Amino acid sequence: MRRNDFRGEPPTFLVSSGLDPFVLQNRRYAAALERAGVPVRYVEYPGLPHGFPASATRYVVSITRSAKPCAGSA
């Protein structure tokens, strides 16, 4: 991340997929926001590829059955 201070950022809803090449960065970003006191809701969908929302009709059943909030999310 290029920033160290995330204080004052707006409440954030962050969605990621388990097969996204940026999943680790997304987790770190959510954690950094949380440490700065920013309300964060981070949801990760395991087993889904990057860009899955664009193909939502294929994944709707899988997402609703497998989505679980990650530890530390509000």
PDB file of N, CA and C in Angstrom:
ATOM      1  N   MET A   1       0.841  -1.182   0.000  1.00  0.00           N
ATOM      2  CA  MET A   1       0.000   0.000   0.000  1.00  0.00           C
ATOM      3  C   MET A   1       0.883   1.240   0.000  1.00  0.00           C
ATOM      4  N   ARG A   2       0.397   2.230  -0.640  1.00  0.00           N
ATOM      5  CA  ARG A   2       1.163   3.464  -0.744  1.00  0.00           C
ATOM      6  C   ARG A   2       0.888   4.431   0.389  1.00  0.00           C
ATOM      7  N   ARG A   3      -0.147   4.167   1.158  1.00  0.00           N
ATOM      8  CA  ARG A   3      -0.488   5.040   2.281  1.00  0.00           C
ATOM      9  C   ARG A   3      -0.338   4.266   3.572  1.00  0.00           C
ATOM     10  N   ASN A   4      -0.075   4.999   4.632  1.00  0.00           N
ATOM     11  CA  ASN A   4       0.006   4.391   5.954  1.00  0.00           C
ATOM     12  C   ASN A   4      -1.104   4.858   6.873  1.00  0.00           C
ATOM     13  N   ASP A   5      -1.700   5.985   6.555  1.00  0.00           N
ATOM     14  CA  ASP A   5      -2.703   6.582   7.429  1.00  0.00           C
ATOM     15  C   ASP A   5      -4.059   6.614   6.719  1.00  0.00           C
ATOM     16  N   PHE A   6      -4.997   5.859   7.242  1.00  0.00           N
ATOM     17  CA  PHE A   6      -6.327   5.788   6.640  1.00  0.00           C
ATOM     18  C   PHE A   6      -7.393   6.432   7.529  1.00  0.00           C
ATOM     19  N   ARG A   7      -6.955   7.151   8.559  1.00  0.00           N
ATOM     20  CA  ARG A   7      -7.919   7.830   9.430  1.00  0.00           C
ATOM     21  C   ARG A   7      -8.748   8.805   8.614  1.00  0.00           C
ATOM     22  N   GLY A   8     -10.037   8.876   8.938  1.00  0.00           N
ATOM     23  CA  GLY A   8     -10.921   9.817   8.280  1.00  0.00           C
ATOM     24  C   GLY A   8     -11.546   9.307   6.992  1.00  0.00           C
ATOM     25  N   GLU A   9     -11.184   8.113   6.587  1.00  0.00           N
ATOM     26  CA  GLU A   9     -11.802   7.545   5.384  1.00  0.00           C
ATOM     27  C   GLU A   9     -13.257   7.181   5.686  1.00  0.00           C
ATOM     28  N   PRO A  10     -14.111   7.173   4.681  1.00  0.00           N
ATOM     29  CA  PRO A  10     -15.523   6.844   4.916  1.00  0.00           C
ATOM     30  C   PRO A  10     -15.704   5.362   5.209  1.00  0.00           C
ATOM     31  N   PRO A  11     -16.827   4.992   5.809  1.00  0.00           N
ATOM     32  CA  PRO A  11     -17.119   3.570   6.006  1.00  0.00           C
ATOM     33  C   PRO A  11     -16.973   2.834   4.671  1.00  0.00           C
ATOM     34  N   THR A  12     -16.421   1.637   4.736  1.00  0.00           N
ATOM     35  CA  THR A  12     -16.057   0.921   3.511  1.00  0.00           C
ATOM     36  C   THR A  12     -16.656  -0.469   3.476  1.00  0.00           C
ATOM     37  N   PHE A  13     -17.206  -0.827   2.308  1.00  0.00           N
ATOM     38  CA  PHE A  13     -17.673  -2.179   2.029  1.00  0.00           C
ATOM     39  C   PHE A  13     -16.766  -2.717   0.932  1.00  0.00           C
ATOM     40  N   LEU A  14     -16.020  -3.771   1.235  1.00  0.00           N
ATOM     41  CA  LEU A  14     -15.031  -4.315   0.310  1.00  0.00           C
ATOM     42  C   LEU A  14     -15.361  -5.772   0.030  1.00  0.00           C
ATOM     43  N   VAL A  15     -15.459  -6.112  -1.252  1.00  0.00           N
ATOM     44  CA  VAL A  15     -15.770  -7.472  -1.677  1.00  0.00           C
ATOM     45  C   VAL A  15     -14.577  -8.017  -2.442  1.00  0.00           C
ATOM     46  N   SER A  16     -14.219  -9.258  -2.134  1.00  0.00           N
ATOM     47  CA  SER A  16     -13.109  -9.897  -2.819  1.00  0.00           C
ATOM     48  C   SER A  16     -13.470 -11.349  -3.085  1.00  0.00           C
ATOM     49  N   SER A  17     -12.732 -11.957  -3.995  1.00  0.00           N
ATOM     50  CA  SER A  17     -12.931 -13.379  -4.266  1.00  0.00           C
ATOM     51  C   SER A  17     -11.664 -14.134  -3.908  1.00  0.00           C
ATOM     52  N   GLY A  18     -11.831 -15.371  -3.504  1.00  0.00           N
ATOM     53  CA  GLY A  18     -10.705 -16.173  -3.062  1.00  0.00           C
ATOM     54  C   GLY A  18      -9.665 -16.419  -4.140  1.00  0.00           C
ATOM     55  N   LEU A  19     -10.057 -16.379  -5.404  1.00  0.00           N
ATOM     56  CA  LEU A  19      -9.122 -16.629  -6.503  1.00  0.00           C
ATOM     57  C   LEU A  19      -8.659 -15.338  -7.178  1.00  0.00           C
ATOM     58  N   ASP A  20      -8.955 -14.212  -6.577  1.00  0.00           N
ATOM     59  CA  ASP A  20      -8.534 -12.925  -7.117  1.00  0.00           C
ATOM     60  C   ASP A  20      -7.030 -12.768  -6.897  1.00  0.00           C
ATOM     61  N   PRO A  21      -6.285 -12.344  -7.917  1.00  0.00           N
ATOM     62  CA  PRO A  21      -4.850 -12.151  -7.716  1.00  0.00           C
ATOM     63  C   PRO A  21      -4.531 -11.082  -6.671  1.00  0.00           C
ATOM     64  N   PHE A  22      -5.512 -10.242  -6.329  1.00  0.00           N
ATOM     65  CA  PHE A  22      -5.299  -9.180  -5.353  1.00  0.00           C
ATOM     66  C   PHE A  22      -5.899  -9.492  -3.980  1.00  0.00           C
ATOM     67  N   VAL A  23      -6.250 -10.732  -3.736  1.00  0.00           N
ATOM     68  CA  VAL A  23      -6.942 -11.063  -2.488  1.00  0.00           C
ATOM     69  C   VAL A  23      -6.112 -10.692  -1.256  1.00  0.00           C
ATOM     70  N   LEU A  24      -4.811 -10.921  -1.283  1.00  0.00           N
ATOM     71  CA  LEU A  24      -3.990 -10.586  -0.116  1.00  0.00           C
ATOM     72  C   LEU A  24      -3.946  -9.077   0.112  1.00  0.00           C
ATOM     73  N   GLN A  25      -3.847  -8.300  -0.958  1.00  0.00           N
ATOM     74  CA  GLN A  25      -3.864  -6.841  -0.826  1.00  0.00           C
ATOM     75  C   GLN A  25      -5.210  -6.366  -0.301  1.00  0.00           C
ATOM     76  N   ASN A  26      -6.287  -6.990  -0.752  1.00  0.00           N
ATOM     77  CA  ASN A  26      -7.614  -6.608  -0.265  1.00  0.00           C
ATOM     78  C   ASN A  26      -7.744  -6.866   1.229  1.00  0.00           C
ATOM     79  N   ARG A  27      -7.239  -8.007   1.674  1.00  0.00           N
ATOM     80  CA  ARG A  27      -7.274  -8.320   3.118  1.00  0.00           C
ATOM     81  C   ARG A  27      -6.465  -7.303   3.911  1.00  0.00           C
ATOM     82  N   ARG A  28      -5.275  -6.969   3.398  1.00  0.00           N
ATOM     83  CA  ARG A  28      -4.415  -5.996   4.097  1.00  0.00           C
ATOM     84  C   ARG A  28      -5.071  -4.612   4.151  1.00  0.00           C
ATOM     85  N   TYR A  29      -5.703  -4.233   3.064  1.00  0.00           N
ATOM     86  CA  TYR A  29      -6.375  -2.935   3.012  1.00  0.00           C
ATOM     87  C   TYR A  29      -7.514  -2.881   4.031  1.00  0.00           C
ATOM     88  N   ALA A  30      -8.321  -3.924   4.078  1.00  0.00           N
ATOM     89  CA  ALA A  30      -9.418  -3.972   5.050  1.00  0.00           C
ATOM     90  C   ALA A  30      -8.874  -3.897   6.477  1.00  0.00           C
ATOM     91  N   ALA A  31      -7.793  -4.615   6.737  1.00  0.00           N
ATOM     92  CA  ALA A  31      -7.195  -4.605   8.079  1.00  0.00           C
ATOM     93  C   ALA A  31      -6.640  -3.219   8.417  1.00  0.00           C
ATOM     94  N   ALA A  32      -5.992  -2.566   7.444  1.00  0.00           N
ATOM     95  CA  ALA A  32      -5.437  -1.230   7.688  1.00  0.00           C
ATOM     96  C   ALA A  32      -6.547  -0.223   7.976  1.00  0.00           C
ATOM     97  N   LEU A  33      -7.638  -0.301   7.230  1.00  0.00           N
ATOM     98  CA  LEU A  33      -8.771   0.582   7.497  1.00  0.00           C
ATOM     99  C   LEU A  33      -9.321   0.347   8.896  1.00  0.00           C
ATOM    100  N   GLU A  34      -9.460  -0.915   9.249  1.00  0.00           N
ATOM    101  CA  GLU A  34      -9.989  -1.257  10.572  1.00  0.00           C
ATOM    102  C   GLU A  34      -9.085  -0.732  11.679  1.00  0.00           C
ATOM    103  N   ARG A  35      -7.768  -0.886  11.522  1.00  0.00           N
ATOM    104  CA  ARG A  35      -6.820  -0.367  12.524  1.00  0.00           C
ATOM    105  C   ARG A  35      -6.927   1.142  12.667  1.00  0.00           C
ATOM    106  N   ALA A  36      -7.294   1.820  11.582  1.00  0.00           N
ATOM    107  CA  ALA A  36      -7.429   3.284  11.610  1.00  0.00           C
ATOM    108  C   ALA A  36      -8.774   3.723  12.171  1.00  0.00           C
ATOM    109  N   GLY A  37      -9.611   2.754  12.556  1.00  0.00           N
ATOM    110  CA  GLY A  37     -10.901   3.096  13.139  1.00  0.00           C
ATOM    111  C   GLY A  37     -12.007   3.305  12.122  1.00  0.00           C
ATOM    112  N   VAL A  38     -11.762   2.928  10.888  1.00  0.00           N
ATOM    113  CA  VAL A  38     -12.772   3.076   9.832  1.00  0.00           C
ATOM    114  C   VAL A  38     -13.715   1.880   9.893  1.00  0.00           C
ATOM    115  N   PRO A  39     -15.010   2.106   9.903  1.00  0.00           N
ATOM    116  CA  PRO A  39     -15.942   0.976   9.855  1.00  0.00           C
ATOM    117  C   PRO A  39     -15.770   0.222   8.526  1.00  0.00           C
ATOM    118  N   VAL A  40     -15.504  -1.086   8.632  1.00  0.00           N
ATOM    119  CA  VAL A  40     -15.227  -1.900   7.446  1.00  0.00           C
ATOM    120  C   VAL A  40     -16.092  -3.143   7.456  1.00  0.00           C
ATOM    121  N   ARG A  41     -16.633  -3.448   6.309  1.00  0.00           N
ATOM    122  CA  ARG A  41     -17.306  -4.736   6.082  1.00  0.00           C
ATOM    123  C   ARG A  41     -16.546  -5.384   4.937  1.00  0.00           C
ATOM    124  N   TYR A  42     -15.801  -6.445   5.220  1.00  0.00           N
ATOM    125  CA  TYR A  42     -15.030  -7.157   4.207  1.00  0.00           C
ATOM    126  C   TYR A  42     -15.640  -8.542   4.039  1.00  0.00           C
ATOM    127  N   VAL A  43     -16.000  -8.854   2.798  1.00  0.00           N
ATOM    128  CA  VAL A  43     -16.580 -10.157   2.491  1.00  0.00           C
ATOM    129  C   VAL A  43     -15.738 -10.783   1.394  1.00  0.00           C
ATOM    130  N   GLU A  44     -15.347 -12.022   1.634  1.00  0.00           N
ATOM    131  CA  GLU A  44     -14.551 -12.754   0.655  1.00  0.00           C
ATOM    132  C   GLU A  44     -15.319 -14.002   0.233  1.00  0.00           C
ATOM    133  N   TYR A  45     -15.396 -14.210  -1.061  1.00  0.00           N
ATOM    134  CA  TYR A  45     -16.101 -15.366  -1.603  1.00  0.00           C
ATOM    135  C   TYR A  45     -15.077 -16.408  -2.047  1.00  0.00           C
ATOM    136  N   PRO A  46     -14.874 -17.444  -1.235  1.00  0.00           N
ATOM    137  CA  PRO A  46     -13.857 -18.445  -1.564  1.00  0.00           C
ATOM    138  C   PRO A  46     -14.213 -19.205  -2.843  1.00  0.00           C
ATOM    139  N   GLY A  47     -13.197 -19.524  -3.619  1.00  0.00           N
ATOM    140  CA  GLY A  47     -13.389 -20.342  -4.803  1.00  0.00           C
ATOM    141  C   GLY A  47     -13.876 -19.615  -6.035  1.00  0.00           C
ATOM    142  N   LEU A  48     -14.150 -18.308  -5.916  1.00  0.00           N
ATOM    143  CA  LEU A  48     -14.630 -17.563  -7.078  1.00  0.00           C
ATOM    144  C   LEU A  48     -13.493 -16.759  -7.692  1.00  0.00           C
ATOM    145  N   PRO A  49     -13.538 -16.569  -9.020  1.00  0.00           N
ATOM    146  CA  PRO A  49     -12.459 -15.860  -9.704  1.00  0.00           C
ATOM    147  C   PRO A  49     -12.617 -14.345  -9.637  1.00  0.00           C
ATOM    148  N   HIS A  50     -11.530 -13.662  -9.966  1.00  0.00           N
ATOM    149  CA  HIS A  50     -11.548 -12.207 -10.112  1.00  0.00           C
ATOM    150  C   HIS A  50     -12.625 -11.840 -11.137  1.00  0.00           C
ATOM    151  N   GLY A  51     -13.395 -10.805 -10.861  1.00  0.00           N
ATOM    152  CA  GLY A  51     -14.414 -10.351 -11.792  1.00  0.00           C
ATOM    153  C   GLY A  51     -15.717 -11.118 -11.728  1.00  0.00           C
ATOM    154  N   PHE A  52     -15.893 -11.935 -10.680  1.00  0.00           N
ATOM    155  CA  PHE A  52     -17.110 -12.747 -10.614  1.00  0.00           C
ATOM    156  C   PHE A  52     -18.407 -11.939 -10.624  1.00  0.00           C
ATOM    157  N   PRO A  53     -18.456 -10.711 -10.099  1.00  0.00           N
ATOM    158  CA  PRO A  53     -19.736  -9.994 -10.156  1.00  0.00           C
ATOM    159  C   PRO A  53     -20.230  -9.762 -11.588  1.00  0.00           C
ATOM    160  N   ALA A  54     -19.311  -9.683 -12.552  1.00  0.00           N
ATOM    161  CA  ALA A  54     -19.720  -9.475 -13.940  1.00  0.00           C
ATOM    162  C   ALA A  54     -20.445 -10.697 -14.498  1.00  0.00           C
ATOM    163  N   SER A  55     -20.229 -11.841 -13.874  1.00  0.00           N
ATOM    164  CA  SER A  55     -20.885 -13.086 -14.294  1.00  0.00           C
ATOM    165  C   SER A  55     -21.806 -13.589 -13.192  1.00  0.00           C
ATOM    166  N   ALA A  56     -22.445 -12.659 -12.513  1.00  0.00           N
ATOM    167  CA  ALA A  56     -23.212 -12.985 -11.309  1.00  0.00           C
ATOM    168  C   ALA A  56     -24.257 -14.065 -11.514  1.00  0.00           C
ATOM    169  N   THR A  57     -24.900 -14.102 -12.647  1.00  0.00           N
ATOM    170  CA  THR A  57     -25.965 -15.093 -12.820  1.00  0.00           C
ATOM    171  C   THR A  57     -25.431 -16.514 -12.724  1.00  0.00           C
ATOM    172  N   ARG A  58     -24.177 -16.729 -13.068  1.00  0.00           N
ATOM    173  CA  ARG A  58     -23.588 -18.065 -12.941  1.00  0.00           C
ATOM    174  C   ARG A  58     -23.312 -18.448 -11.497  1.00  0.00           C
ATOM    175  N   TYR A  59     -23.036 -17.446 -10.666  1.00  0.00           N
ATOM    176  CA  TYR A  59     -22.551 -17.722  -9.329  1.00  0.00           C
ATOM    177  C   TYR A  59     -23.552 -17.479  -8.207  1.00  0.00           C
ATOM    178  N   VAL A  60     -24.731 -16.995  -8.504  1.00  0.00           N
ATOM    179  CA  VAL A  60     -25.670 -16.593  -7.460  1.00  0.00           C
ATOM    180  C   VAL A  60     -25.902 -17.708  -6.454  1.00  0.00           C
ATOM    181  N   VAL A  61     -26.164 -18.908  -6.897  1.00  0.00           N
ATOM    182  CA  VAL A  61     -26.428 -20.011  -5.971  1.00  0.00           C
ATOM    183  C   VAL A  61     -25.190 -20.312  -5.143  1.00  0.00           C
ATOM    184  N   SER A  62     -24.022 -20.386  -5.761  1.00  0.00           N
ATOM    185  CA  SER A  62     -22.793 -20.678  -5.025  1.00  0.00           C
ATOM    186  C   SER A  62     -22.483 -19.600  -3.994  1.00  0.00           C
ATOM    187  N   ILE A  63     -22.630 -18.358  -4.388  1.00  0.00           N
ATOM    188  CA  ILE A  63     -22.311 -17.255  -3.485  1.00  0.00           C
ATOM    189  C   ILE A  63     -23.207 -17.294  -2.255  1.00  0.00           C
ATOM    190  N   THR A  64     -24.484 -17.454  -2.452  1.00  0.00           N
ATOM    191  CA  THR A  64     -25.390 -17.405  -1.312  1.00  0.00           C
ATOM    192  C   THR A  64     -25.181 -18.593  -0.387  1.00  0.00           C
ATOM    193  N   ARG A  65     -24.670 -19.662  -0.888  1.00  0.00           N
ATOM    194  CA  ARG A  65     -24.432 -20.831  -0.039  1.00  0.00           C
ATOM    195  C   ARG A  65     -23.076 -20.810   0.638  1.00  0.00           C
ATOM    196  N   SER A  66     -22.072 -20.157   0.034  1.00  0.00           N
ATOM    197  CA  SER A  66     -20.723 -20.264   0.579  1.00  0.00           C
ATOM    198  C   SER A  66     -20.187 -18.978   1.206  1.00  0.00           C
ATOM    199  N   ALA A  67     -20.811 -17.850   1.003  1.00  0.00           N
ATOM    200  CA  ALA A  67     -20.272 -16.588   1.503  1.00  0.00           C
ATOM    201  C   ALA A  67     -20.342 -16.527   3.017  1.00  0.00           C
ATOM    202  N   LYS A  68     -19.211 -16.206   3.597  1.00  0.00           N
ATOM    203  CA  LYS A  68     -19.132 -16.037   5.045  1.00  0.00           C
ATOM    204  C   LYS A  68     -18.280 -14.801   5.307  1.00  0.00           C
ATOM    205  N   PRO A  69     -18.709 -13.941   6.209  1.00  0.00           N
ATOM    206  CA  PRO A  69     -17.862 -12.798   6.541  1.00  0.00           C
ATOM    207  C   PRO A  69     -16.529 -13.295   7.102  1.00  0.00           C
ATOM    208  N   CYS A  70     -15.468 -12.619   6.734  1.00  0.00           N
ATOM    209  CA  CYS A  70     -14.148 -12.981   7.245  1.00  0.00           C
ATOM    210  C   CYS A  70     -14.009 -12.497   8.688  1.00  0.00           C
ATOM    211  N   ALA A  71     -13.128 -13.144   9.422  1.00  0.00           N
ATOM    212  CA  ALA A  71     -12.880 -12.744  10.800  1.00  0.00           C
ATOM    213  C   ALA A  71     -12.484 -11.284  10.841  1.00  0.00           C
ATOM    214  N   GLY A  72     -13.011 -10.575  11.781  1.00  0.00           N
ATOM    215  CA  GLY A  72     -12.679  -9.175  11.955  1.00  0.00           C
ATOM    216  C   GLY A  72     -13.596  -8.219  11.212  1.00  0.00           C
ATOM    217  N   SER A  73     -14.475  -8.761  10.360  1.00  0.00           N
ATOM    218  CA  SER A  73     -15.382  -7.852   9.657  1.00  0.00           C
ATOM    219  C   SER A  73     -16.584  -7.559  10.541  1.00  0.00           C
ATOM    220  N   ALA A  74     -17.122  -6.372  10.367  1.00  0.00           N
ATOM    221  CA  ALA A  74     -18.257  -5.951  11.212  1.00  0.00           C
ATOM    222  C   ALA A  74     -19.545  -6.475  10.683  1.00  0.00           C
TER     223      ALA A  74
END
